[in-house]
Amino acid sequence: MKVTYTSVLVMAMLSLLLSSQVLVSTAVTCSPVQLASCAGAMMSSSTPPSSGCCASLREQKPCLCGYLRDPSLRGYVNSPNSRKVANICNVPLPNC
């Protein structure tokens, strides 16, 4: 089985996402795993985000500052591709 650099990065991101959960007062459960539908778009600039990805990103919007403060998630949330996905989904990344 051939393992590519991208698949290793996606698996690493998903494992980080699975290990991080925070509760926000807006009754949204902050769980980066909810953004798994965005993994392809966040890892590849040629993959557009799905409508499900955008819906998940909008739902997780109150959690984005927490993700940006988390050293294990910051690089994924703040990457150029993630910023592009957020822009396409009309979910501005916050200035925390």
N, C-alpha and C. Protein backbone atom coordinates (compact mmCIF):
# COMPACT_ATOMS: atom_id res chain seq x y z
N MET A 1 0.84 -1.18 0.00
CA MET A 1 0.00 0.00 0.00
C MET A 1 0.89 1.24 0.00
N LYS A 2 0.65 2.11 -0.94
CA LYS A 2 1.43 3.34 -1.07
C LYS A 2 0.85 4.42 -0.18
N VAL A 3 1.68 5.03 0.65
CA VAL A 3 1.25 6.10 1.55
C VAL A 3 1.84 7.41 1.03
N THR A 4 0.96 8.38 0.81
CA THR A 4 1.43 9.66 0.31
C THR A 4 1.57 10.65 1.46
N TYR A 5 2.32 11.69 1.21
CA TYR A 5 2.53 12.74 2.19
C TYR A 5 1.19 13.36 2.60
N THR A 6 0.31 13.58 1.61
CA THR A 6 -0.99 14.18 1.90
C THR A 6 -1.82 13.28 2.80
N SER A 7 -1.83 11.98 2.52
CA SER A 7 -2.64 11.08 3.35
C SER A 7 -2.11 11.03 4.78
N VAL A 8 -0.80 11.12 4.95
CA VAL A 8 -0.23 11.14 6.29
C VAL A 8 -0.64 12.42 7.01
N LEU A 9 -0.63 13.56 6.30
CA LEU A 9 -1.05 14.83 6.90
C LEU A 9 -2.53 14.80 7.27
N VAL A 10 -3.35 14.25 6.39
CA VAL A 10 -4.78 14.18 6.69
C VAL A 10 -5.02 13.31 7.92
N MET A 11 -4.35 12.18 8.00
CA MET A 11 -4.51 11.30 9.16
C MET A 11 -4.03 11.98 10.44
N ALA A 12 -2.92 12.71 10.35
CA ALA A 12 -2.41 13.42 11.53
C ALA A 12 -3.40 14.49 11.95
N MET A 13 -3.96 15.20 10.99
CA MET A 13 -4.94 16.24 11.31
C MET A 13 -6.18 15.64 11.95
N LEU A 14 -6.66 14.55 11.40
CA LEU A 14 -7.85 13.91 11.95
C LEU A 14 -7.60 13.39 13.36
N SER A 15 -6.40 12.85 13.61
CA SER A 15 -6.12 12.36 14.96
C SER A 15 -6.06 13.52 15.95
N LEU A 16 -5.51 14.66 15.52
CA LEU A 16 -5.50 15.85 16.38
C LEU A 16 -6.93 16.34 16.61
N LEU A 17 -7.72 16.30 15.56
CA LEU A 17 -9.09 16.75 15.69
C LEU A 17 -9.87 15.87 16.64
N LEU A 18 -9.64 14.59 16.59
CA LEU A 18 -10.35 13.66 17.47
C LEU A 18 -9.97 13.84 18.92
N SER A 19 -8.74 14.29 19.17
CA SER A 19 -8.27 14.40 20.55
C SER A 19 -8.63 15.72 21.22
N SER A 20 -9.21 16.67 20.47
CA SER A 20 -9.50 17.99 21.03
C SER A 20 -10.99 18.27 21.01
N GLN A 21 -11.56 18.49 22.20
CA GLN A 21 -12.95 18.91 22.30
C GLN A 21 -13.06 19.94 23.42
N VAL A 22 -13.83 21.00 23.16
CA VAL A 22 -14.03 22.08 24.11
C VAL A 22 -15.50 22.47 24.05
N LEU A 23 -16.07 22.90 25.15
CA LEU A 23 -17.46 23.35 25.16
C LEU A 23 -17.49 24.87 25.25
N VAL A 24 -18.26 25.51 24.38
CA VAL A 24 -18.41 26.96 24.34
C VAL A 24 -19.80 27.30 24.87
N SER A 25 -19.93 28.47 25.48
CA SER A 25 -21.18 28.87 26.12
C SER A 25 -22.35 29.03 25.14
N THR A 26 -22.11 29.08 23.84
CA THR A 26 -23.19 29.23 22.88
C THR A 26 -23.89 27.90 22.60
N ALA A 27 -23.65 26.91 23.41
CA ALA A 27 -24.25 25.59 23.29
C ALA A 27 -23.73 24.83 22.08
N VAL A 28 -22.65 25.29 21.49
CA VAL A 28 -22.00 24.56 20.41
C VAL A 28 -20.91 23.71 21.06
N THR A 29 -20.89 22.45 20.73
CA THR A 29 -19.80 21.61 21.22
C THR A 29 -18.63 21.80 20.26
N CYS A 30 -17.58 22.37 20.77
CA CYS A 30 -16.39 22.61 19.94
C CYS A 30 -15.65 21.30 19.78
N SER A 31 -15.72 20.79 18.59
CA SER A 31 -15.07 19.54 18.27
C SER A 31 -14.47 19.66 16.88
N PRO A 32 -13.16 19.77 16.79
CA PRO A 32 -12.54 19.90 15.48
C PRO A 32 -12.87 18.74 14.54
N VAL A 33 -13.25 17.60 15.10
CA VAL A 33 -13.61 16.47 14.25
C VAL A 33 -14.82 16.80 13.39
N GLN A 34 -15.62 17.79 13.82
CA GLN A 34 -16.76 18.21 13.02
C GLN A 34 -16.32 18.85 11.70
N LEU A 35 -15.05 19.20 11.61
CA LEU A 35 -14.53 19.80 10.38
C LEU A 35 -13.87 18.76 9.47
N ALA A 36 -14.05 17.49 9.78
CA ALA A 36 -13.45 16.43 8.96
C ALA A 36 -13.90 16.50 7.51
N SER A 37 -15.13 16.96 7.27
CA SER A 37 -15.61 17.08 5.90
C SER A 37 -14.85 18.15 5.11
N CYS A 38 -14.07 18.96 5.81
CA CYS A 38 -13.27 20.01 5.17
C CYS A 38 -11.82 19.57 4.92
N ALA A 39 -11.45 18.39 5.39
CA ALA A 39 -10.05 17.97 5.33
C ALA A 39 -9.49 18.02 3.92
N GLY A 40 -10.23 17.50 2.95
CA GLY A 40 -9.74 17.50 1.58
C GLY A 40 -9.49 18.89 1.05
N ALA A 41 -10.43 19.79 1.29
CA ALA A 41 -10.29 21.17 0.82
C ALA A 41 -9.19 21.91 1.56
N MET A 42 -9.00 21.59 2.85
CA MET A 42 -7.96 22.26 3.63
C MET A 42 -6.57 21.75 3.28
N MET A 43 -6.50 20.54 2.74
CA MET A 43 -5.20 19.95 2.42
C MET A 43 -4.80 20.19 0.96
N SER A 44 -5.76 20.50 0.10
CA SER A 44 -5.48 20.66 -1.32
C SER A 44 -6.16 21.92 -1.84
N SER A 45 -5.37 22.78 -2.44
CA SER A 45 -5.94 24.03 -2.97
C SER A 45 -6.81 23.77 -4.19
N SER A 46 -6.73 22.58 -4.78
CA SER A 46 -7.53 22.28 -5.96
C SER A 46 -8.88 21.64 -5.63
N THR A 47 -9.11 21.33 -4.35
CA THR A 47 -10.37 20.71 -3.94
C THR A 47 -11.26 21.77 -3.30
N PRO A 48 -12.41 22.05 -3.92
CA PRO A 48 -13.30 23.06 -3.32
C PRO A 48 -14.02 22.48 -2.10
N PRO A 49 -14.38 23.32 -1.15
CA PRO A 49 -15.12 22.84 0.01
C PRO A 49 -16.55 22.44 -0.38
N SER A 50 -17.04 21.38 0.23
CA SER A 50 -18.41 20.94 -0.02
C SER A 50 -19.38 21.82 0.77
N SER A 51 -20.65 21.71 0.45
CA SER A 51 -21.66 22.46 1.21
C SER A 51 -21.68 21.96 2.66
N GLY A 52 -21.44 20.66 2.85
CA GLY A 52 -21.37 20.11 4.21
C GLY A 52 -20.20 20.68 4.99
N CYS A 53 -19.08 20.87 4.31
CA CYS A 53 -17.90 21.49 4.93
C CYS A 53 -18.25 22.89 5.38
N CYS A 54 -18.87 23.68 4.49
CA CYS A 54 -19.21 25.07 4.83
C CYS A 54 -20.20 25.11 5.99
N ALA A 55 -21.16 24.20 6.00
CA ALA A 55 -22.13 24.16 7.10
C ALA A 55 -21.43 23.85 8.42
N SER A 56 -20.49 22.91 8.39
CA SER A 56 -19.75 22.56 9.60
C SER A 56 -18.89 23.72 10.06
N LEU A 57 -18.27 24.41 9.12
CA LEU A 57 -17.42 25.55 9.45
C LEU A 57 -18.26 26.66 10.08
N ARG A 58 -19.44 26.91 9.55
CA ARG A 58 -20.32 27.93 10.14
C ARG A 58 -20.75 27.51 11.55
N GLU A 59 -21.05 26.24 11.73
CA GLU A 59 -21.46 25.76 13.05
C GLU A 59 -20.32 25.88 14.06
N GLN A 60 -19.09 25.65 13.63
CA GLN A 60 -17.94 25.69 14.51
C GLN A 60 -17.33 27.08 14.63
N LYS A 61 -17.91 28.08 13.98
CA LYS A 61 -17.37 29.45 14.01
C LYS A 61 -17.10 29.97 15.42
N PRO A 62 -17.99 29.74 16.41
CA PRO A 62 -17.70 30.24 17.76
C PRO A 62 -16.47 29.57 18.39
N CYS A 63 -16.02 28.49 17.80
CA CYS A 63 -14.91 27.71 18.36
C CYS A 63 -13.56 28.07 17.74
N LEU A 64 -13.57 28.85 16.68
CA LEU A 64 -12.34 29.06 15.91
C LEU A 64 -11.23 29.73 16.72
N CYS A 65 -11.56 30.66 17.60
CA CYS A 65 -10.50 31.27 18.43
C CYS A 65 -9.82 30.21 19.30
N GLY A 66 -10.61 29.32 19.85
CA GLY A 66 -10.03 28.24 20.66
C GLY A 66 -9.11 27.37 19.84
N TYR A 67 -9.52 27.07 18.61
CA TYR A 67 -8.66 26.26 17.73
C TYR A 67 -7.38 27.01 17.38
N LEU A 68 -7.51 28.33 17.15
CA LEU A 68 -6.33 29.13 16.81
C LEU A 68 -5.36 29.25 17.99
N ARG A 69 -5.88 29.15 19.21
CA ARG A 69 -5.02 29.22 20.40
C ARG A 69 -4.38 27.88 20.74
N ASP A 70 -4.94 26.80 20.21
CA ASP A 70 -4.43 25.46 20.49
C ASP A 70 -3.22 25.18 19.60
N PRO A 71 -2.03 25.01 20.20
CA PRO A 71 -0.83 24.81 19.39
C PRO A 71 -0.92 23.61 18.44
N SER A 72 -1.68 22.60 18.81
CA SER A 72 -1.77 21.42 17.94
C SER A 72 -2.75 21.62 16.78
N LEU A 73 -3.58 22.65 16.83
CA LEU A 73 -4.55 22.91 15.77
C LEU A 73 -4.26 24.18 14.99
N ARG A 74 -3.52 25.11 15.59
CA ARG A 74 -3.27 26.42 14.99
C ARG A 74 -2.77 26.33 13.55
N GLY A 75 -1.83 25.44 13.30
CA GLY A 75 -1.25 25.32 11.96
C GLY A 75 -2.26 24.91 10.90
N TYR A 76 -3.22 24.09 11.29
CA TYR A 76 -4.25 23.66 10.34
C TYR A 76 -5.27 24.75 10.11
N VAL A 77 -5.73 25.38 11.17
CA VAL A 77 -6.78 26.39 11.06
C VAL A 77 -6.26 27.65 10.38
N ASN A 78 -4.99 27.94 10.57
CA ASN A 78 -4.40 29.18 10.06
C ASN A 78 -3.64 28.98 8.75
N SER A 79 -3.73 27.81 8.16
CA SER A 79 -3.00 27.54 6.91
C SER A 79 -3.64 28.32 5.76
N PRO A 80 -2.87 28.56 4.70
CA PRO A 80 -3.43 29.28 3.54
C PRO A 80 -4.65 28.57 2.95
N ASN A 81 -4.62 27.25 2.86
CA ASN A 81 -5.77 26.53 2.30
C ASN A 81 -6.98 26.64 3.21
N SER A 82 -6.77 26.58 4.52
CA SER A 82 -7.89 26.71 5.46
C SER A 82 -8.49 28.10 5.37
N ARG A 83 -7.64 29.10 5.22
CA ARG A 83 -8.15 30.47 5.06
C ARG A 83 -8.95 30.59 3.76
N LYS A 84 -8.49 29.92 2.71
CA LYS A 84 -9.21 29.93 1.43
C LYS A 84 -10.58 29.26 1.60
N VAL A 85 -10.62 28.13 2.28
CA VAL A 85 -11.89 27.43 2.52
C VAL A 85 -12.83 28.34 3.30
N ALA A 86 -12.33 28.96 4.35
CA ALA A 86 -13.17 29.86 5.16
C ALA A 86 -13.70 31.01 4.30
N ASN A 87 -12.88 31.55 3.44
CA ASN A 87 -13.29 32.64 2.56
C ASN A 87 -14.38 32.18 1.59
N ILE A 88 -14.19 31.02 0.97
CA ILE A 88 -15.18 30.49 0.04
C ILE A 88 -16.51 30.23 0.75
N CYS A 89 -16.42 29.77 2.00
CA CYS A 89 -17.64 29.47 2.79
C CYS A 89 -18.23 30.72 3.45
N ASN A 90 -17.61 31.87 3.23
CA ASN A 90 -18.06 33.13 3.84
C ASN A 90 -18.07 33.06 5.36
N VAL A 91 -17.04 32.45 5.91
CA VAL A 91 -16.86 32.37 7.36
C VAL A 91 -15.51 33.02 7.67
N PRO A 92 -15.50 34.30 7.99
CA PRO A 92 -14.22 34.97 8.26
C PRO A 92 -13.55 34.39 9.49
N LEU A 93 -12.25 34.15 9.39
CA LEU A 93 -11.52 33.71 10.55
C LEU A 93 -11.37 34.89 11.51
N PRO A 94 -11.60 34.66 12.78
CA PRO A 94 -11.55 35.76 13.75
C PRO A 94 -10.12 36.23 14.03
N ASN A 95 -10.00 37.46 14.46
CA ASN A 95 -8.73 37.98 14.99
C ASN A 95 -8.79 37.82 16.49
N CYS A 96 -8.10 36.83 16.98
CA CYS A 96 -8.18 36.52 18.42
C CYS A 96 -6.99 37.09 19.17
